[in-house]
């Protein structure tokens, strides 16, 4: 991912979070809460990518990219499947 793509995706995620209702009298539905948590996690993964790139840590950057890809692909569909895929890729974290 290029810096421009990171910035664009970060802005899109921020925009989606802002669009979610933030009324204390009307709490978020379960689906909206899950969506908000996944969006925040994706934003944190993008921040980790940026930090690793700035520090020149290629392995951390790849791990953060894998986390972002798994969050994007599996997290909202099935949390169990997301955790399963993350565990199967845990061997990568060992290096």
C-alpha atoms as a PDB file:
ATOM      1  CA  UNK A   1       0.000   0.000   0.000  1.00  0.00           C
ATOM      2  CA  UNK A   2       1.231   3.459  -0.809  1.00  0.00           C
ATOM      3  CA  UNK A   3       0.990   6.422   1.557  1.00  0.00           C
ATOM      4  CA  UNK A   4      -1.801   7.882  -0.568  1.00  0.00           C
ATOM      5  CA  UNK A   5      -3.792   4.653  -0.294  1.00  0.00           C
ATOM      6  CA  UNK A   6      -3.236   4.550   3.470  1.00  0.00           C
ATOM      7  CA  UNK A   7      -4.453   8.140   3.813  1.00  0.00           C
ATOM      8  CA  UNK A   8      -7.482   7.509   1.595  1.00  0.00           C
ATOM      9  CA  UNK A   9      -8.525   4.361   3.464  1.00  0.00           C
ATOM     10  CA  UNK A  10      -7.979   6.055   6.838  1.00  0.00           C
ATOM     11  CA  UNK A  11     -10.250   8.924   5.767  1.00  0.00           C
ATOM     12  CA  UNK A  12     -12.901   6.477   4.531  1.00  0.00           C
ATOM     13  CA  UNK A  13     -12.831   4.601   7.839  1.00  0.00           C
ATOM     14  CA  UNK A  14     -13.069   7.852   9.820  1.00  0.00           C
ATOM     15  CA  UNK A  15     -16.008   8.929   7.667  1.00  0.00           C
ATOM     16  CA  UNK A  16     -17.808   5.633   8.233  1.00  0.00           C
ATOM     17  CA  UNK A  17     -17.302   5.872  11.997  1.00  0.00           C
ATOM     18  CA  UNK A  18     -18.673   9.439  12.010  1.00  0.00           C
ATOM     19  CA  UNK A  19     -21.753   8.314  10.061  1.00  0.00           C
ATOM     20  CA  UNK A  20     -22.715   5.860  12.768  1.00  0.00           C
ATOM     21  CA  UNK A  21     -25.274   7.304  15.172  1.00  0.00           C
ATOM     22  CA  UNK A  22     -23.784   8.710  18.364  1.00  0.00           C
ATOM     23  CA  UNK A  23     -26.906   9.361  20.399  1.00  0.00           C
ATOM     24  CA  UNK A  24     -26.567   8.354  24.075  1.00  0.00           C
ATOM     25  CA  UNK A  25     -30.344   7.989  24.383  1.00  0.00           C
ATOM     26  CA  UNK A  26     -30.489   5.478  21.531  1.00  0.00           C
ATOM     27  CA  UNK A  27     -27.712   2.897  21.877  1.00  0.00           C
ATOM     28  CA  UNK A  28     -26.164   1.268  18.834  1.00  0.00           C
ATOM     29  CA  UNK A  29     -27.558  -2.034  17.670  1.00  0.00           C
ATOM     30  CA  UNK A  30     -25.422  -5.140  17.978  1.00  0.00           C
ATOM     31  CA  UNK A  31     -24.578  -5.016  14.268  1.00  0.00           C
ATOM     32  CA  UNK A  32     -23.599  -1.328  14.477  1.00  0.00           C
ATOM     33  CA  UNK A  33     -21.400  -1.978  17.532  1.00  0.00           C
ATOM     34  CA  UNK A  34     -19.638  -4.807  15.729  1.00  0.00           C
ATOM     35  CA  UNK A  35     -19.158  -2.644  12.632  1.00  0.00           C
ATOM     36  CA  UNK A  36     -17.727   0.187  14.732  1.00  0.00           C
ATOM     37  CA  UNK A  37     -15.294  -2.169  16.504  1.00  0.00           C
ATOM     38  CA  UNK A  38     -14.107  -3.608  13.198  1.00  0.00           C
ATOM     39  CA  UNK A  39     -13.648  -0.123  11.738  1.00  0.00           C
ATOM     40  CA  UNK A  40     -11.582   0.932  14.744  1.00  0.00           C
ATOM     41  CA  UNK A  41      -9.467  -2.229  14.499  1.00  0.00           C
ATOM     42  CA  UNK A  42      -8.884  -1.605  10.788  1.00  0.00           C
ATOM     43  CA  UNK A  43      -7.812   1.964  11.602  1.00  0.00           C
ATOM     44  CA  UNK A  44      -5.394   0.684  14.241  1.00  0.00           C
ATOM     45  CA  UNK A  45      -3.957  -1.820  11.748  1.00  0.00           C
ATOM     46  CA  UNK A  46      -3.401   1.021   9.269  1.00  0.00           C
ATOM     47  CA  UNK A  47      -1.617   3.007  11.987  1.00  0.00           C
ATOM     48  CA  UNK A  48       0.610   0.000  12.691  1.00  0.00           C
ATOM     49  CA  UNK A  49       1.438  -0.258   8.984  1.00  0.00           C
ATOM     50  CA  UNK A  50       2.399   3.408   8.924  1.00  0.00           C
ATOM     51  CA  UNK A  51       4.533   3.125  12.081  1.00  0.00           C
ATOM     52  CA  UNK A  52       6.358   0.025  10.856  1.00  0.00           C
ATOM     53  CA  UNK A  53       7.042   1.670   7.514  1.00  0.00           C
ATOM     54  CA  UNK A  54       8.457   4.771   9.230  1.00  0.00           C
ATOM     55  CA  UNK A  55      10.718   2.607  11.394  1.00  0.00           C
ATOM     56  CA  UNK A  56      11.773   0.477   8.432  1.00  0.00           C
ATOM     57  CA  UNK A  57      10.604  -2.757  10.078  1.00  0.00           C
ATOM     58  CA  UNK A  58       9.560  -4.847   7.091  1.00  0.00           C
ATOM     59  CA  UNK A  59       8.339  -7.849   9.117  1.00  0.00           C
ATOM     60  CA  UNK A  60       6.079  -5.708  11.326  1.00  0.00           C
ATOM     61  CA  UNK A  61       4.714  -3.984   8.242  1.00  0.00           C
ATOM     62  CA  UNK A  62       3.820  -7.313   6.650  1.00  0.00           C
ATOM     63  CA  UNK A  63       2.185  -8.568   9.862  1.00  0.00           C
ATOM     64  CA  UNK A  64       0.129  -5.376  10.086  1.00  0.00           C
ATOM     65  CA  UNK A  65      -0.866  -5.769   6.431  1.00  0.00           C
ATOM     66  CA  UNK A  66      -1.958  -9.345   7.133  1.00  0.00           C
ATOM     67  CA  UNK A  67      -4.006  -8.166  10.113  1.00  0.00           C
ATOM     68  CA  UNK A  68      -5.629  -5.470   7.994  1.00  0.00           C
ATOM     69  CA  UNK A  69      -6.421  -7.943   5.202  1.00  0.00           C
ATOM     70  CA  UNK A  70      -7.941 -10.428   7.663  1.00  0.00           C
ATOM     71  CA  UNK A  71      -9.988  -7.705   9.343  1.00  0.00           C
ATOM     72  CA  UNK A  72     -11.258  -6.486   5.998  1.00  0.00           C
ATOM     73  CA  UNK A  73     -12.078  -9.931   4.664  1.00  0.00           C
ATOM     74  CA  UNK A  74     -13.325 -11.921   7.653  1.00  0.00           C
ATOM     75  CA  UNK A  75     -13.995  -9.837  10.769  1.00  0.00           C
ATOM     76  CA  UNK A  76     -17.521  -8.649  10.017  1.00  0.00           C
ATOM     77  CA  UNK A  77     -18.610 -11.839   8.323  1.00  0.00           C
ATOM     78  CA  UNK A  78     -17.558 -14.244  11.030  1.00  0.00           C
ATOM     79  CA  UNK A  79     -15.428 -13.417  14.063  1.00  0.00           C
ATOM     80  CA  UNK A  80     -14.664 -17.100  14.629  1.00  0.00           C
ATOM     81  CA  UNK A  81     -13.317 -17.453  11.092  1.00  0.00           C
ATOM     82  CA  UNK A  82     -11.249 -14.275  11.538  1.00  0.00           C
ATOM     83  CA  UNK A  83      -9.672 -15.638  14.723  1.00  0.00           C
ATOM     84  CA  UNK A  84      -9.076 -19.023  13.086  1.00  0.00           C
ATOM     85  CA  UNK A  85      -7.282 -17.450  10.117  1.00  0.00           C
ATOM     86  CA  UNK A  86      -5.260 -15.211  12.424  1.00  0.00           C
ATOM     87  CA  UNK A  87      -4.203 -18.230  14.498  1.00  0.00           C
ATOM     88  CA  UNK A  88      -3.195 -20.170  11.381  1.00  0.00           C
ATOM     89  CA  UNK A  89      -1.015 -17.261  10.312  1.00  0.00           C
ATOM     90  CA  UNK A  90       0.543 -16.957  13.756  1.00  0.00           C
ATOM     91  CA  UNK A  91       3.630 -18.779  12.511  1.00  0.00           C
ATOM     92  CA  UNK A  92       4.458 -15.611  10.577  1.00  0.00           C
ATOM     93  CA  UNK A  93       4.562 -13.614  13.809  1.00  0.00           C
ATOM     94  CA  UNK A  94       7.316 -15.856  15.130  1.00  0.00           C
ATOM     95  CA  UNK A  95       9.830 -14.348  12.730  1.00  0.00           C
END
